[in-house]
């Protein structure tokens, strides 16, 4: 069997027909395994399992069998499902007699580290049955947090580290110039940046923002953040938190505006940036966060939903002539 990588106590190998009997024992154990992973309430056959192995190998799927280093015993299977350049879904099952030995936690940590650092993912998500409290506890220990649930499943995700929110600083002068230039060249809306579009000189923009906060003239105080990738210090996004509402914000603008650099989109940064900003809202005493997005903007809609947003209503903004969807995120829980 071809070993792909390893952790302290686990070898991660390609799926193999030589392990089919172990696979059958696991997937046909409805009480301890199958009912938690959404399998059928009936037995799989040897032929079905061999067909599954051949199909995964043919498709070059990112499926790994896990073996105990010391004994070579089968622990379980894991998979990265539906991978894109930036994210994928974790699936894992541990055979009954290897449960409660710490292998689930070790495997999840090894898998997420491998997928972040070797494959280059930015986000890993999963779903687990509501009844599977033990699995949720494992995922929480590994850093996953819940972003949604329904009548059957809890949905959780984990993001790559190495990103941070930074308040405005002239230390990032060239990065601010580059961020503004990307938007001017693409013609996209520079949301969540205040009046950056108007200022070629970053210091003038920073001064203008500070002056507005000290003497708002009908505007509300806000905090402006840059979302910085630590490895190259690039600003991949900007997000602005308004401390409270005026009439316009209460109906149309919400507490938060944000944008992601055109060259950095579809990599999971918007979801991570918003998730990182929500604790800042809580620090400001904001227990319920209102975020709006243009109707039909599926990217923004998914970003809000992944962070726990609940749809309230759609309103028409007459000045721009656009329909805005209103979502609330409850931080009081």
Protein backbone atom coordinates (compact mmCIF):
# COMPACT_ATOMS: atom_id res chain seq x y z
CA UNK A 1 0.00 0.00 0.00
CA UNK A 2 1.30 3.40 -0.97
CA UNK A 3 1.83 5.62 2.08
CA UNK A 4 0.95 9.27 1.45
CA UNK A 5 1.84 10.84 4.80
CA UNK A 6 1.87 10.03 8.51
CA UNK A 7 1.28 11.44 11.99
CA UNK A 8 2.62 10.30 15.35
CA UNK A 9 0.58 7.11 15.48
CA UNK A 10 -1.17 6.86 12.11
CA UNK A 11 -0.10 5.99 8.57
CA UNK A 12 -2.28 7.46 5.82
CA UNK A 13 -2.28 5.16 2.77
CA UNK A 14 -4.16 4.80 -0.50
CA UNK A 15 -7.37 2.80 -0.32
CA UNK A 16 -6.70 -0.79 -1.29
CA UNK A 17 -8.59 -3.95 -2.17
CA UNK A 18 -6.45 -5.71 0.44
CA UNK A 19 -8.38 -3.76 3.12
CA UNK A 20 -11.85 -4.47 1.73
CA UNK A 21 -12.81 -6.83 4.56
CA UNK A 22 -11.94 -4.12 7.09
CA UNK A 23 -13.99 -1.61 5.11
CA UNK A 24 -16.98 -3.98 5.11
CA UNK A 25 -16.86 -4.49 8.87
CA UNK A 26 -16.84 -0.72 9.38
CA UNK A 27 -19.55 0.35 6.92
CA UNK A 28 -21.86 -2.51 7.89
CA UNK A 29 -21.68 -1.55 11.58
CA UNK A 30 -24.87 0.51 11.66
CA UNK A 31 -24.95 1.06 15.42
CA UNK A 32 -21.39 2.40 15.86
CA UNK A 33 -20.50 3.85 12.45
CA UNK A 34 -22.99 3.86 9.62
CA UNK A 35 -25.85 5.73 11.28
CA UNK A 36 -23.46 8.59 12.11
CA UNK A 37 -22.12 9.05 8.58
CA UNK A 38 -25.41 8.91 6.68
CA UNK A 39 -25.01 5.45 5.22
CA UNK A 40 -27.74 3.00 4.23
CA UNK A 41 -29.57 0.95 6.85
CA UNK A 42 -28.61 -2.25 5.04
CA UNK A 43 -25.52 -4.32 4.42
CA UNK A 44 -23.01 -3.53 1.70
CA UNK A 45 -21.67 -6.47 -0.29
CA UNK A 46 -18.08 -7.42 -1.02
CA UNK A 47 -18.66 -6.62 -4.69
CA UNK A 48 -20.00 -3.15 -3.85
CA UNK A 49 -17.00 -2.38 -1.68
CA UNK A 50 -14.49 -3.55 -4.29
CA UNK A 51 -16.30 -1.39 -6.86
CA UNK A 52 -16.04 1.58 -4.45
CA UNK A 53 -12.28 1.09 -4.08
CA UNK A 54 -11.72 0.78 -7.83
CA UNK A 55 -13.83 3.87 -8.48
CA UNK A 56 -11.92 5.99 -5.97
CA UNK A 57 -8.56 4.89 -7.39
CA UNK A 58 -9.68 5.51 -10.96
CA UNK A 59 -10.93 9.00 -10.07
CA UNK A 60 -7.71 9.72 -8.12
CA UNK A 61 -9.95 10.79 -5.25
CA UNK A 62 -8.30 12.16 -2.12
CA UNK A 63 -9.32 9.17 0.01
CA UNK A 64 -7.00 7.71 2.62
CA UNK A 65 -7.11 4.57 4.73
CA UNK A 66 -5.66 5.03 8.20
CA UNK A 67 -3.51 2.35 9.80
CA UNK A 68 -2.08 2.17 13.29
CA UNK A 69 1.69 2.53 12.98
CA UNK A 70 2.59 0.10 15.73
CA UNK A 71 0.36 -2.80 14.74
CA UNK A 72 -0.75 -2.06 11.18
CA UNK A 73 -4.39 -2.44 12.27
CA UNK A 74 -7.07 -0.64 10.29
CA UNK A 75 -8.37 2.53 11.99
CA UNK A 76 -10.74 3.99 9.42
CA UNK A 77 -11.09 6.00 6.21
CA UNK A 78 -10.95 9.72 5.49
CA UNK A 79 -11.62 11.80 2.40
CA UNK A 80 -11.41 15.32 1.01
CA UNK A 81 -14.67 15.63 -0.91
CA UNK A 82 -15.48 18.07 -3.70
CA UNK A 83 -12.14 19.89 -3.49
CA UNK A 84 -11.60 23.23 -5.22
CA UNK A 85 -8.47 25.37 -5.32
CA UNK A 86 -9.41 26.88 -1.95
CA UNK A 87 -11.65 24.52 0.00
CA UNK A 88 -13.05 21.04 0.43
CA UNK A 89 -15.23 18.89 2.67
CA UNK A 90 -13.79 16.54 5.30
CA UNK A 91 -15.28 13.09 5.66
CA UNK A 92 -13.99 10.56 8.20
CA UNK A 93 -15.10 7.29 9.76
CA UNK A 94 -13.39 5.29 12.53
CA UNK A 95 -14.07 1.58 12.87
CA UNK A 96 -15.75 0.63 16.16
CA UNK A 97 -12.91 -1.13 18.02
CA UNK A 98 -10.51 1.79 17.31
CA UNK A 99 -12.86 4.46 18.64
CA UNK A 100 -12.20 6.23 21.97
CA UNK A 101 -8.42 5.91 21.61
CA UNK A 102 -7.68 9.46 20.42
CA UNK A 103 -7.25 8.47 16.79
CA UNK A 104 -10.10 10.68 15.58
CA UNK A 105 -8.54 13.83 17.00
CA UNK A 106 -5.05 12.92 15.77
CA UNK A 107 -6.36 12.07 12.30
CA UNK A 108 -8.38 15.29 11.90
CA UNK A 109 -5.41 17.41 12.98
CA UNK A 110 -3.07 15.58 10.60
CA UNK A 111 -5.51 15.78 7.69
CA UNK A 112 -6.23 19.50 8.09
CA UNK A 113 -2.52 20.27 8.43
CA UNK A 114 -1.76 18.27 5.28
CA UNK A 115 -4.55 19.86 3.26
CA UNK A 116 -3.67 23.40 4.37
CA UNK A 117 0.10 23.14 4.01
CA UNK A 118 0.60 20.60 1.21
CA UNK A 119 -2.49 21.10 -0.96
CA UNK A 120 -2.95 24.80 -0.23
CA UNK A 121 -6.57 24.91 0.93
CA UNK A 122 -7.87 27.98 2.76
CA UNK A 123 -11.04 26.43 4.23
CA UNK A 124 -12.12 22.95 5.25
CA UNK A 125 -15.76 22.30 6.06
CA UNK A 126 -17.79 19.31 7.19
CA UNK A 127 -21.19 18.20 8.33
CA UNK A 128 -21.89 15.84 11.22
CA UNK A 129 -25.11 14.33 12.51
CA UNK A 130 -26.84 16.22 15.33
CA UNK A 131 -26.90 12.99 17.33
CA UNK A 132 -23.10 12.59 17.04
CA UNK A 133 -22.03 14.78 19.97
CA UNK A 134 -18.76 12.87 20.34
CA UNK A 135 -17.68 13.76 16.80
CA UNK A 136 -18.58 17.43 17.33
CA UNK A 137 -16.39 17.47 20.42
CA UNK A 138 -13.47 16.12 18.38
CA UNK A 139 -13.94 18.72 15.66
CA UNK A 140 -14.16 21.53 18.21
CA UNK A 141 -10.90 20.37 19.81
CA UNK A 142 -9.33 20.61 16.35
CA UNK A 143 -10.52 24.20 15.88
CA UNK A 144 -13.71 23.73 13.84
CA UNK A 145 -16.63 26.01 14.65
CA UNK A 146 -20.30 25.66 13.83
CA UNK A 147 -21.73 27.97 11.16
CA UNK A 148 -25.14 26.36 10.52
CA UNK A 149 -27.43 23.55 11.56
CA UNK A 150 -30.66 21.99 10.37
CA UNK A 151 -32.92 19.22 11.63
CA UNK A 152 -30.33 16.53 10.90
CA UNK A 153 -26.84 18.00 10.63
CA UNK A 154 -24.44 20.48 12.21
CA UNK A 155 -22.20 22.26 9.70
CA UNK A 156 -18.70 23.32 10.79
CA UNK A 157 -15.59 24.80 9.21
CA UNK A 158 -11.93 25.60 9.83
CA UNK A 159 -9.76 28.20 8.14
CA UNK A 160 -6.07 28.40 7.39
CA UNK A 161 -4.14 30.53 9.85
CA UNK A 162 -1.74 33.27 8.83
CA UNK A 163 -4.33 36.01 8.39
CA UNK A 164 -4.96 38.96 10.67
CA UNK A 165 -7.04 42.10 10.94
CA UNK A 166 -4.94 45.26 11.12
CA UNK A 167 -6.22 48.75 11.87
CA UNK A 168 -5.22 51.53 9.50
CA UNK A 169 -1.48 52.22 9.48
CA UNK A 170 0.83 54.03 7.09
CA UNK A 171 3.15 51.04 7.58
CA UNK A 172 1.04 49.42 4.82
CA UNK A 173 1.24 52.40 2.45
CA UNK A 174 2.29 50.46 -0.64
CA UNK A 175 -0.17 47.65 0.06
CA UNK A 176 -3.02 50.18 0.35
CA UNK A 177 -1.98 51.70 -2.98
CA UNK A 178 -1.96 48.26 -4.59
CA UNK A 179 -5.37 47.38 -3.14
CA UNK A 180 -6.93 50.61 -4.43
CA UNK A 181 -5.30 50.14 -7.85
CA UNK A 182 -6.82 46.67 -8.28
CA UNK A 183 -10.32 48.06 -7.80
CA UNK A 184 -9.78 51.06 -10.04
CA UNK A 185 -8.53 48.80 -12.83
CA UNK A 186 -11.34 46.27 -12.42
CA UNK A 187 -14.06 48.88 -11.98
CA UNK A 188 -15.47 47.01 -8.97
CA UNK A 189 -17.15 48.58 -5.99
CA UNK A 190 -14.71 49.33 -3.15
CA UNK A 191 -17.07 48.37 -0.31
CA UNK A 192 -15.93 48.56 3.30
CA UNK A 193 -13.15 51.07 2.58
CA UNK A 194 -14.87 54.38 3.29
CA UNK A 195 -13.63 56.98 0.83
CA UNK A 196 -10.44 55.20 -0.26
CA UNK A 197 -11.42 55.55 -3.92
CA UNK A 198 -11.07 59.35 -3.63
CA UNK A 199 -7.55 59.38 -2.17
CA UNK A 200 -4.47 58.52 -4.18
CA UNK A 201 -2.25 59.17 -1.15
CA UNK A 202 -2.87 56.55 1.60
CA UNK A 203 -1.88 58.99 4.34
CA UNK A 204 -4.59 61.41 3.17
CA UNK A 205 -7.15 58.60 3.32
CA UNK A 206 -6.05 57.61 6.84
CA UNK A 207 -6.18 61.24 8.03
CA UNK A 208 -9.59 61.74 6.44
CA UNK A 209 -10.94 58.62 8.14
CA UNK A 210 -9.64 59.71 11.55
CA UNK A 211 -11.06 63.21 11.12
CA UNK A 212 -14.46 61.77 10.20
CA UNK A 213 -14.47 59.65 13.34
CA UNK A 214 -13.61 62.60 15.58
CA UNK A 215 -16.13 64.98 13.94
CA UNK A 216 -18.60 62.77 12.05
CA UNK A 217 -21.11 65.45 10.84
CA UNK A 218 -23.99 62.99 10.77
CA UNK A 219 -21.81 59.94 10.18
CA UNK A 220 -21.37 57.25 12.82
CA UNK A 221 -18.03 56.22 14.35
CA UNK A 222 -16.49 53.17 12.71
CA UNK A 223 -13.38 51.01 12.83
CA UNK A 224 -11.55 50.29 9.58
CA UNK A 225 -9.55 47.08 9.25
CA UNK A 226 -7.25 45.67 6.61
CA UNK A 227 -7.18 41.87 6.27
CA UNK A 228 -3.50 41.04 5.86
CA UNK A 229 -1.88 37.80 4.72
CA UNK A 230 1.15 37.45 6.97
CA UNK A 231 3.40 35.51 4.58
CA UNK A 232 3.62 38.35 2.05
CA UNK A 233 1.91 41.21 3.97
CA UNK A 234 -0.58 41.65 1.17
CA UNK A 235 -3.96 43.25 1.92
CA UNK A 236 -6.44 40.70 0.57
CA UNK A 237 -9.53 42.45 1.92
CA UNK A 238 -10.88 45.39 3.89
CA UNK A 239 -13.76 45.49 6.35
CA UNK A 240 -15.41 48.36 8.19
CA UNK A 241 -17.43 48.01 11.41
CA UNK A 242 -19.92 50.78 12.20
CA UNK A 243 -20.36 51.15 15.96
CA UNK A 244 -24.07 51.97 15.79
CA UNK A 245 -26.74 53.00 13.29
CA UNK A 246 -27.96 56.17 11.71
CA UNK A 247 -31.21 56.02 9.75
CA UNK A 248 -29.54 54.93 6.51
CA UNK A 249 -27.40 52.22 8.08
CA UNK A 250 -30.31 50.85 10.08
CA UNK A 251 -32.27 50.22 6.91
CA UNK A 252 -29.70 49.75 4.13
CA UNK A 253 -26.04 49.75 5.18
CA UNK A 254 -25.87 47.57 8.29
CA UNK A 255 -23.02 47.27 10.77
CA UNK A 256 -20.44 45.90 8.36
CA UNK A 257 -19.16 46.59 4.85
CA UNK A 258 -16.34 44.64 3.26
CA UNK A 259 -14.55 43.83 0.02
CA UNK A 260 -11.92 41.38 -1.21
CA UNK A 261 -9.23 42.22 -3.75
CA UNK A 262 -10.30 41.03 -7.23
CA UNK A 263 -7.18 38.85 -7.53
CA UNK A 264 -7.91 37.10 -4.20
CA UNK A 265 -11.56 36.16 -4.65
CA UNK A 266 -13.00 32.64 -4.51
CA UNK A 267 -10.33 31.60 -2.01
CA UNK A 268 -12.41 31.74 1.17
CA UNK A 269 -11.02 35.08 2.36
CA UNK A 270 -14.38 36.88 2.62
CA UNK A 271 -15.80 34.21 4.92
CA UNK A 272 -12.68 34.17 7.09
CA UNK A 273 -12.46 37.98 7.23
CA UNK A 274 -16.06 38.32 8.37
CA UNK A 275 -15.62 35.51 10.89
CA UNK A 276 -12.53 37.24 12.29
CA UNK A 277 -14.35 40.58 12.51
CA UNK A 278 -17.39 39.34 14.44
CA UNK A 279 -15.54 39.16 17.80
CA UNK A 280 -14.58 42.80 17.24
CA UNK A 281 -18.30 43.59 17.00
CA UNK A 282 -18.90 41.81 20.29
CA UNK A 283 -16.14 43.88 21.91
CA UNK A 284 -18.03 46.99 20.81
CA UNK A 285 -21.17 45.74 22.52
CA UNK A 286 -22.96 44.76 19.31
CA UNK A 287 -24.94 41.62 20.11
CA UNK A 288 -26.85 41.43 16.81
CA UNK A 289 -24.99 42.31 13.62
CA UNK A 290 -26.87 43.49 10.54
CA UNK A 291 -25.24 42.81 7.18
CA UNK A 292 -26.79 43.57 3.81
CA UNK A 293 -25.90 42.41 0.32
CA UNK A 294 -27.25 43.12 -3.14
CA UNK A 295 -29.95 40.67 -4.15
CA UNK A 296 -28.47 38.10 -6.49
CA UNK A 297 -24.91 38.41 -5.14
CA UNK A 298 -24.51 34.73 -4.29
CA UNK A 299 -20.90 35.11 -3.15
CA UNK A 300 -21.79 37.66 -0.46
CA UNK A 301 -24.91 35.74 0.47
CA UNK A 302 -22.92 32.54 1.07
CA UNK A 303 -20.31 34.45 3.07
CA UNK A 304 -23.00 35.79 5.39
CA UNK A 305 -24.78 32.45 5.74
CA UNK A 306 -21.53 30.65 6.55
CA UNK A 307 -21.10 33.04 9.46
CA UNK A 308 -24.53 32.36 10.89
CA UNK A 309 -26.54 35.01 9.06
CA UNK A 310 -30.32 34.66 9.12
CA UNK A 311 -32.33 36.29 6.35
CA UNK A 312 -34.87 38.88 7.49
CA UNK A 313 -36.16 40.83 4.49
CA UNK A 314 -35.36 42.51 1.18
CA UNK A 315 -35.55 46.30 0.87
CA UNK A 316 -35.23 48.67 -2.07
CA UNK A 317 -32.50 51.33 -1.85
CA UNK A 318 -33.82 54.21 -3.97
CA UNK A 319 -30.62 56.24 -4.47
CA UNK A 320 -28.73 53.37 -6.11
CA UNK A 321 -31.86 51.67 -7.42
CA UNK A 322 -30.89 48.28 -5.96
CA UNK A 323 -32.58 45.64 -3.82
CA UNK A 324 -30.72 44.70 -0.67
CA UNK A 325 -31.13 41.51 1.35
CA UNK A 326 -30.91 42.01 5.13
CA UNK A 327 -29.29 39.34 7.35
CA UNK A 328 -28.79 39.25 11.11
CA UNK A 329 -25.99 37.42 12.95
CA UNK A 330 -26.71 36.79 16.63
CA UNK A 331 -23.58 37.12 18.81
CA UNK A 332 -25.39 36.82 22.13
CA UNK A 333 -25.35 33.02 22.21
